[in-house]
Amino acid sequence: MPYASVAQLKAGIPASDLQLLTDFEGFAITADERLSQALDDASAEIDSYIAKVVALPLASPPHILTVICRDLAMHRLYVNLGHDMTAYQRLRGDAIATLKSIAKGETAIGDDDGPAELTSPGVAMTDGVERQMTRDRLRGF
């Protein structure tokens, strides 16, 4: 199951490009099947990165995966057109970097990670081991 819908993908593609991206035969219709295939391919690529850190399939995918799925699918579609790929290469690079960060555990995958826990309750610690370097011990140096 893809992380983004065809409607979500269409919302990010200019109408003038939509026909070029999907209608290779010149029938003047958009092929949702082509968009769906790009989303399936992008979702499979996402799964290959996150499978180590989460159990698949995800019951409720977080929003970040929808964004990454759309970006990867748009890159796949635009590669076929021969347009200037600079922006789409950057989108793909950012998406892959985020997925690698998730796989390493550096980035959280969920939208609702819960409240951040404080390392201390806001009170400065005054107890601890005796200081090794004090003015008295460093006299003469």
N, C-alpha and C. Protein backbone atom coordinates (compact mmCIF):
# COMPACT_ATOMS: atom_id res chain seq x y z
N MET A 1 0.84 -1.17 0.00
CA MET A 1 0.00 0.00 0.00
C MET A 1 0.89 1.24 0.00
N PRO A 2 0.70 2.14 -0.96
CA PRO A 2 1.55 3.33 -1.03
C PRO A 2 1.29 4.30 0.12
N TYR A 3 2.31 5.08 0.45
CA TYR A 3 2.23 6.04 1.54
C TYR A 3 1.52 7.32 1.14
N ALA A 4 1.29 7.54 -0.16
CA ALA A 4 0.57 8.71 -0.64
C ALA A 4 -0.46 8.26 -1.68
N SER A 5 -1.50 9.03 -1.82
CA SER A 5 -2.54 8.69 -2.79
C SER A 5 -2.27 9.40 -4.12
N VAL A 6 -2.93 8.94 -5.16
CA VAL A 6 -2.81 9.57 -6.47
C VAL A 6 -3.28 11.02 -6.39
N ALA A 7 -4.34 11.29 -5.64
CA ALA A 7 -4.84 12.66 -5.49
C ALA A 7 -3.80 13.55 -4.81
N GLN A 8 -3.10 13.01 -3.80
CA GLN A 8 -2.06 13.80 -3.14
C GLN A 8 -0.90 14.07 -4.08
N LEU A 9 -0.56 13.13 -4.93
CA LEU A 9 0.50 13.33 -5.90
C LEU A 9 0.09 14.36 -6.95
N LYS A 10 -1.14 14.26 -7.44
CA LYS A 10 -1.64 15.22 -8.43
C LYS A 10 -1.65 16.64 -7.90
N ALA A 11 -1.89 16.79 -6.60
CA ALA A 11 -1.93 18.12 -6.00
C ALA A 11 -0.57 18.81 -6.07
N GLY A 12 0.51 18.04 -6.16
CA GLY A 12 1.84 18.63 -6.21
C GLY A 12 2.42 18.79 -7.60
N ILE A 13 1.68 18.39 -8.61
CA ILE A 13 2.17 18.46 -9.99
C ILE A 13 1.37 19.50 -10.76
N PRO A 14 2.03 20.44 -11.44
CA PRO A 14 1.29 21.41 -12.25
C PRO A 14 0.46 20.70 -13.31
N ALA A 15 -0.73 21.22 -13.58
CA ALA A 15 -1.64 20.60 -14.54
C ALA A 15 -1.01 20.47 -15.92
N SER A 16 -0.18 21.43 -16.30
CA SER A 16 0.45 21.36 -17.62
C SER A 16 1.43 20.19 -17.72
N ASP A 17 2.04 19.82 -16.61
CA ASP A 17 2.98 18.69 -16.61
C ASP A 17 2.28 17.34 -16.44
N LEU A 18 1.12 17.35 -15.85
CA LEU A 18 0.44 16.10 -15.53
C LEU A 18 0.20 15.24 -16.77
N GLN A 19 -0.25 15.85 -17.83
CA GLN A 19 -0.49 15.09 -19.06
C GLN A 19 0.82 14.58 -19.65
N LEU A 20 1.86 15.41 -19.63
CA LEU A 20 3.15 14.99 -20.16
C LEU A 20 3.73 13.81 -19.38
N LEU A 21 3.49 13.81 -18.08
CA LEU A 21 4.05 12.76 -17.22
C LEU A 21 3.36 11.41 -17.39
N THR A 22 2.11 11.44 -17.79
CA THR A 22 1.33 10.20 -17.78
C THR A 22 0.83 9.76 -19.15
N ASP A 23 0.73 10.64 -20.10
CA ASP A 23 0.11 10.31 -21.38
C ASP A 23 1.17 10.16 -22.46
N PHE A 24 1.82 8.99 -22.49
CA PHE A 24 2.87 8.76 -23.46
C PHE A 24 2.32 8.45 -24.85
N GLU A 25 1.09 7.98 -24.92
CA GLU A 25 0.51 7.59 -26.21
C GLU A 25 -0.18 8.74 -26.92
N GLY A 26 -0.35 9.88 -26.27
CA GLY A 26 -0.98 11.03 -26.90
C GLY A 26 -2.49 10.96 -26.95
N PHE A 27 -3.13 10.27 -26.01
CA PHE A 27 -4.57 10.16 -25.99
C PHE A 27 -5.24 11.30 -25.23
N ALA A 28 -4.47 12.25 -24.76
CA ALA A 28 -4.97 13.42 -24.03
C ALA A 28 -5.75 13.03 -22.77
N ILE A 29 -5.34 11.97 -22.14
CA ILE A 29 -5.92 11.59 -20.85
C ILE A 29 -4.79 11.34 -19.87
N THR A 30 -5.06 11.56 -18.62
CA THR A 30 -4.03 11.26 -17.62
C THR A 30 -4.21 9.83 -17.18
N ALA A 31 -3.12 9.15 -17.01
CA ALA A 31 -3.16 7.74 -16.63
C ALA A 31 -2.85 7.62 -15.14
N ASP A 32 -3.92 7.45 -14.35
CA ASP A 32 -3.74 7.28 -12.91
C ASP A 32 -2.91 6.04 -12.60
N GLU A 33 -2.92 5.07 -13.51
CA GLU A 33 -2.14 3.87 -13.30
C GLU A 33 -0.65 4.18 -13.26
N ARG A 34 -0.20 5.09 -14.11
CA ARG A 34 1.21 5.48 -14.11
C ARG A 34 1.58 6.19 -12.81
N LEU A 35 0.69 7.05 -12.35
CA LEU A 35 0.93 7.74 -11.08
C LEU A 35 0.94 6.74 -9.93
N SER A 36 0.01 5.82 -9.97
CA SER A 36 -0.08 4.80 -8.93
C SER A 36 1.18 3.93 -8.91
N GLN A 37 1.69 3.59 -10.08
CA GLN A 37 2.91 2.78 -10.16
C GLN A 37 4.10 3.55 -9.59
N ALA A 38 4.20 4.84 -9.88
CA ALA A 38 5.29 5.65 -9.34
C ALA A 38 5.20 5.70 -7.81
N LEU A 39 3.99 5.81 -7.28
CA LEU A 39 3.81 5.82 -5.83
C LEU A 39 4.15 4.47 -5.21
N ASP A 40 3.78 3.39 -5.88
CA ASP A 40 4.13 2.04 -5.39
C ASP A 40 5.64 1.85 -5.36
N ASP A 41 6.32 2.31 -6.43
CA ASP A 41 7.78 2.19 -6.48
C ASP A 41 8.43 3.01 -5.38
N ALA A 42 7.93 4.22 -5.18
CA ALA A 42 8.48 5.08 -4.12
C ALA A 42 8.25 4.47 -2.75
N SER A 43 7.08 3.89 -2.54
CA SER A 43 6.77 3.26 -1.25
C SER A 43 7.67 2.06 -0.99
N ALA A 44 7.95 1.29 -2.03
CA ALA A 44 8.85 0.15 -1.89
C ALA A 44 10.26 0.62 -1.52
N GLU A 45 10.68 1.72 -2.11
CA GLU A 45 12.00 2.27 -1.77
C GLU A 45 12.03 2.74 -0.32
N ILE A 46 10.97 3.38 0.13
CA ILE A 46 10.88 3.83 1.52
C ILE A 46 10.95 2.63 2.45
N ASP A 47 10.18 1.59 2.14
CA ASP A 47 10.17 0.39 2.98
C ASP A 47 11.57 -0.23 3.10
N SER A 48 12.35 -0.15 2.03
CA SER A 48 13.69 -0.74 2.08
C SER A 48 14.59 -0.03 3.08
N TYR A 49 14.30 1.24 3.37
CA TYR A 49 15.09 1.98 4.35
C TYR A 49 14.55 1.81 5.77
N ILE A 50 13.24 1.85 5.92
CA ILE A 50 12.69 1.89 7.29
C ILE A 50 12.39 0.52 7.87
N ALA A 51 12.54 -0.52 7.09
CA ALA A 51 12.19 -1.87 7.56
C ALA A 51 13.01 -2.30 8.78
N LYS A 52 14.20 -1.72 8.94
CA LYS A 52 15.05 -2.08 10.07
C LYS A 52 14.58 -1.46 11.39
N VAL A 53 13.82 -0.38 11.31
CA VAL A 53 13.45 0.33 12.53
C VAL A 53 11.98 0.24 12.89
N VAL A 54 11.13 -0.19 11.96
CA VAL A 54 9.70 -0.33 12.24
C VAL A 54 9.19 -1.63 11.66
N ALA A 55 8.10 -2.12 12.23
CA ALA A 55 7.46 -3.31 11.70
C ALA A 55 6.53 -2.90 10.56
N LEU A 56 6.71 -3.54 9.42
CA LEU A 56 5.90 -3.22 8.25
C LEU A 56 4.81 -4.26 8.07
N PRO A 57 3.68 -3.93 7.51
CA PRO A 57 3.24 -2.61 7.06
C PRO A 57 2.79 -1.74 8.24
N LEU A 58 2.94 -0.45 8.07
CA LEU A 58 2.51 0.49 9.11
C LEU A 58 1.00 0.66 9.07
N ALA A 59 0.37 0.57 10.21
CA ALA A 59 -1.08 0.70 10.28
C ALA A 59 -1.50 2.14 9.97
N SER A 60 -0.76 3.08 10.50
CA SER A 60 -1.06 4.50 10.29
C SER A 60 0.24 5.22 9.97
N PRO A 61 0.59 5.32 8.69
CA PRO A 61 1.87 5.93 8.33
C PRO A 61 1.93 7.40 8.74
N PRO A 62 3.07 7.85 9.27
CA PRO A 62 3.21 9.26 9.63
C PRO A 62 3.28 10.14 8.38
N HIS A 63 2.96 11.40 8.57
CA HIS A 63 2.88 12.35 7.46
C HIS A 63 4.21 12.49 6.71
N ILE A 64 5.33 12.38 7.40
CA ILE A 64 6.62 12.54 6.74
C ILE A 64 6.81 11.50 5.63
N LEU A 65 6.26 10.31 5.81
CA LEU A 65 6.37 9.29 4.77
C LEU A 65 5.53 9.63 3.55
N THR A 66 4.41 10.32 3.76
CA THR A 66 3.60 10.78 2.63
C THR A 66 4.38 11.80 1.81
N VAL A 67 5.02 12.72 2.49
CA VAL A 67 5.81 13.75 1.80
C VAL A 67 6.96 13.12 1.03
N ILE A 68 7.68 12.21 1.68
CA ILE A 68 8.81 11.55 1.01
C ILE A 68 8.33 10.72 -0.17
N CYS A 69 7.22 10.04 -0.02
CA CYS A 69 6.67 9.23 -1.10
C CYS A 69 6.32 10.09 -2.32
N ARG A 70 5.67 11.22 -2.07
CA ARG A 70 5.33 12.13 -3.17
C ARG A 70 6.59 12.63 -3.87
N ASP A 71 7.61 13.02 -3.09
CA ASP A 71 8.84 13.54 -3.68
C ASP A 71 9.55 12.49 -4.53
N LEU A 72 9.63 11.28 -4.01
CA LEU A 72 10.29 10.22 -4.77
C LEU A 72 9.50 9.86 -6.04
N ALA A 73 8.18 9.84 -5.93
CA ALA A 73 7.35 9.53 -7.11
C ALA A 73 7.48 10.63 -8.16
N MET A 74 7.49 11.89 -7.73
CA MET A 74 7.64 12.98 -8.70
C MET A 74 8.99 12.90 -9.38
N HIS A 75 10.02 12.55 -8.64
CA HIS A 75 11.34 12.40 -9.27
C HIS A 75 11.30 11.31 -10.33
N ARG A 76 10.68 10.17 -9.99
CA ARG A 76 10.58 9.08 -10.95
C ARG A 76 9.84 9.50 -12.22
N LEU A 77 8.77 10.25 -12.05
CA LEU A 77 7.97 10.68 -13.20
C LEU A 77 8.73 11.70 -14.05
N TYR A 78 9.37 12.66 -13.42
CA TYR A 78 10.05 13.72 -14.17
C TYR A 78 11.32 13.24 -14.85
N VAL A 79 11.93 12.17 -14.38
CA VAL A 79 13.11 11.63 -15.03
C VAL A 79 12.78 11.26 -16.48
N ASN A 80 11.58 10.77 -16.73
CA ASN A 80 11.18 10.35 -18.08
C ASN A 80 10.97 11.51 -19.03
N LEU A 81 10.76 12.73 -18.51
CA LEU A 81 10.47 13.86 -19.39
C LEU A 81 11.70 14.52 -19.97
N GLY A 82 12.82 14.43 -19.30
CA GLY A 82 14.02 15.08 -19.79
C GLY A 82 14.09 16.55 -19.41
N HIS A 83 13.29 16.99 -18.44
CA HIS A 83 13.36 18.38 -17.95
C HIS A 83 14.63 18.59 -17.14
N ASP A 84 14.88 19.84 -16.81
CA ASP A 84 15.98 20.16 -15.89
C ASP A 84 15.68 19.50 -14.56
N MET A 85 16.51 18.59 -14.16
CA MET A 85 16.23 17.76 -12.99
C MET A 85 16.85 18.29 -11.70
N THR A 86 17.40 19.48 -11.72
CA THR A 86 18.09 19.99 -10.54
C THR A 86 17.20 19.99 -9.31
N ALA A 87 16.02 20.55 -9.41
CA ALA A 87 15.12 20.63 -8.26
C ALA A 87 14.65 19.25 -7.82
N TYR A 88 14.37 18.38 -8.78
CA TYR A 88 13.88 17.05 -8.43
C TYR A 88 15.00 16.16 -7.89
N GLN A 89 16.23 16.38 -8.36
CA GLN A 89 17.37 15.66 -7.79
C GLN A 89 17.56 16.06 -6.33
N ARG A 90 17.36 17.36 -6.04
CA ARG A 90 17.48 17.84 -4.67
C ARG A 90 16.37 17.24 -3.81
N LEU A 91 15.14 17.18 -4.34
CA LEU A 91 14.04 16.55 -3.60
C LEU A 91 14.37 15.10 -3.27
N ARG A 92 14.86 14.39 -4.26
CA ARG A 92 15.21 12.98 -4.05
C ARG A 92 16.34 12.85 -3.05
N GLY A 93 17.36 13.67 -3.18
CA GLY A 93 18.49 13.62 -2.25
C GLY A 93 18.07 13.89 -0.82
N ASP A 94 17.20 14.88 -0.63
CA ASP A 94 16.69 15.19 0.71
C ASP A 94 15.85 14.04 1.26
N ALA A 95 15.04 13.45 0.41
CA ALA A 95 14.18 12.34 0.84
C ALA A 95 15.03 11.14 1.26
N ILE A 96 16.03 10.82 0.48
CA ILE A 96 16.91 9.68 0.79
C ILE A 96 17.71 9.97 2.05
N ALA A 97 18.18 11.20 2.22
CA ALA A 97 18.93 11.56 3.43
C ALA A 97 18.05 11.40 4.67
N THR A 98 16.78 11.79 4.57
CA THR A 98 15.86 11.63 5.69
C THR A 98 15.63 10.16 5.99
N LEU A 99 15.46 9.36 4.96
CA LEU A 99 15.26 7.92 5.17
C LEU A 99 16.48 7.26 5.81
N LYS A 100 17.67 7.68 5.39
CA LYS A 100 18.89 7.13 5.99
C LYS A 100 18.98 7.54 7.46
N SER A 101 18.58 8.77 7.75
CA SER A 101 18.60 9.25 9.13
C SER A 101 17.61 8.47 9.99
N ILE A 102 16.46 8.14 9.42
CA ILE A 102 15.47 7.32 10.13
C ILE A 102 16.04 5.93 10.37
N ALA A 103 16.68 5.36 9.36
CA ALA A 103 17.24 4.02 9.49
C ALA A 103 18.33 3.95 10.55
N LYS A 104 19.08 5.04 10.72
CA LYS A 104 20.14 5.09 11.73
C LYS A 104 19.60 5.39 13.12
N GLY A 105 18.33 5.79 13.19
CA GLY A 105 17.75 6.13 14.47
C GLY A 105 17.99 7.57 14.88
N GLU A 106 18.49 8.40 13.96
CA GLU A 106 18.77 9.80 14.26
C GLU A 106 17.53 10.68 14.15
N THR A 107 16.55 10.24 13.37
CA THR A 107 15.33 10.99 13.16
C THR A 107 14.14 10.12 13.55
N ALA A 108 13.18 10.74 14.24
CA ALA A 108 11.97 10.01 14.62
C ALA A 108 11.08 9.86 13.39
N ILE A 109 10.38 8.75 13.33
CA ILE A 109 9.52 8.48 12.17
C ILE A 109 8.09 8.93 12.40
N GLY A 110 7.66 8.98 13.65
CA GLY A 110 6.26 9.25 13.94
C GLY A 110 5.91 10.71 14.06
N ASP A 111 4.63 11.00 13.86
CA ASP A 111 4.11 12.34 14.07
C ASP A 111 3.87 12.60 15.54
N ASP A 112 3.58 11.56 16.28
CA ASP A 112 3.21 11.72 17.68
C ASP A 112 4.18 10.93 18.56
N ASP A 113 5.38 11.47 18.67
CA ASP A 113 6.40 10.80 19.47
C ASP A 113 6.17 10.97 20.96
N GLY A 114 5.16 11.72 21.34
CA GLY A 114 4.88 11.95 22.75
C GLY A 114 5.64 13.16 23.25
N PRO A 115 5.38 13.53 24.48
CA PRO A 115 6.06 14.70 25.01
C PRO A 115 7.53 14.41 25.25
N ALA A 116 8.33 15.42 25.01
CA ALA A 116 9.76 15.26 25.26
C ALA A 116 10.00 15.24 26.76
N GLU A 117 10.83 14.31 27.19
CA GLU A 117 11.13 14.21 28.61
C GLU A 117 12.29 15.13 28.95
N LEU A 118 12.16 15.81 30.06
CA LEU A 118 13.24 16.67 30.51
C LEU A 118 14.33 15.82 31.13
N THR A 119 15.56 16.25 30.96
CA THR A 119 16.65 15.51 31.56
C THR A 119 16.75 15.80 33.05
N SER A 120 16.24 16.95 33.45
CA SER A 120 16.14 17.28 34.86
C SER A 120 14.86 18.07 35.04
N PRO A 121 14.33 18.10 36.23
CA PRO A 121 13.07 18.82 36.42
C PRO A 121 13.22 20.33 36.49
N GLY A 122 14.27 20.87 35.92
CA GLY A 122 14.46 22.31 35.90
C GLY A 122 15.21 22.83 37.12
N VAL A 123 15.81 21.96 37.89
CA VAL A 123 16.54 22.35 39.08
C VAL A 123 18.01 22.08 38.84
N ALA A 124 18.85 23.04 39.19
CA ALA A 124 20.28 22.84 39.04
C ALA A 124 20.78 21.84 40.08
N MET A 125 21.62 20.93 39.65
CA MET A 125 22.16 19.94 40.58
C MET A 125 23.27 20.58 41.40
N THR A 126 23.21 20.41 42.69
CA THR A 126 24.25 20.94 43.57
C THR A 126 25.00 19.83 44.27
N ASP A 127 24.54 18.62 44.18
CA ASP A 127 25.21 17.48 44.78
C ASP A 127 26.08 16.80 43.73
N GLY A 128 27.12 16.15 44.19
CA GLY A 128 27.96 15.43 43.27
C GLY A 128 29.26 15.07 43.94
N VAL A 129 30.15 14.53 43.15
CA VAL A 129 31.45 14.14 43.70
C VAL A 129 32.26 15.38 44.02
N GLU A 130 33.22 15.22 44.89
CA GLU A 130 34.08 16.33 45.28
C GLU A 130 34.93 16.76 44.09
N ARG A 131 35.10 18.06 43.93
CA ARG A 131 35.89 18.60 42.82
C ARG A 131 37.35 18.22 42.98
N GLN A 132 37.95 17.80 41.89
CA GLN A 132 39.36 17.41 41.91
C GLN A 132 40.28 18.62 41.73
N MET A 133 39.84 19.58 40.96
CA MET A 133 40.67 20.75 40.70
C MET A 133 40.05 21.97 41.38
N THR A 134 40.67 22.40 42.44
CA THR A 134 40.21 23.59 43.17
C THR A 134 41.37 24.56 43.26
N ARG A 135 41.12 25.78 43.72
CA ARG A 135 42.17 26.79 43.86
C ARG A 135 43.24 26.33 44.84
N ASP A 136 42.79 25.70 45.90
CA ASP A 136 43.76 25.26 46.91
C ASP A 136 44.66 24.15 46.36
N ARG A 137 44.14 23.24 45.61
CA ARG A 137 44.93 22.12 45.10
C ARG A 137 45.85 22.56 43.95
N LEU A 138 45.51 23.63 43.29
CA LEU A 138 46.32 24.08 42.15
C LEU A 138 47.36 25.14 42.54
N ARG A 139 47.45 25.45 43.83
CA ARG A 139 48.44 26.44 44.26
C ARG A 139 49.84 25.93 43.95
N GLY A 140 50.63 26.82 43.42
CA GLY A 140 52.01 26.46 43.11
C GLY A 140 52.21 26.06 41.65
N PHE A 141 51.20 25.93 40.92
CA PHE A 141 51.35 25.58 39.50
C PHE A 141 51.46 26.80 38.67
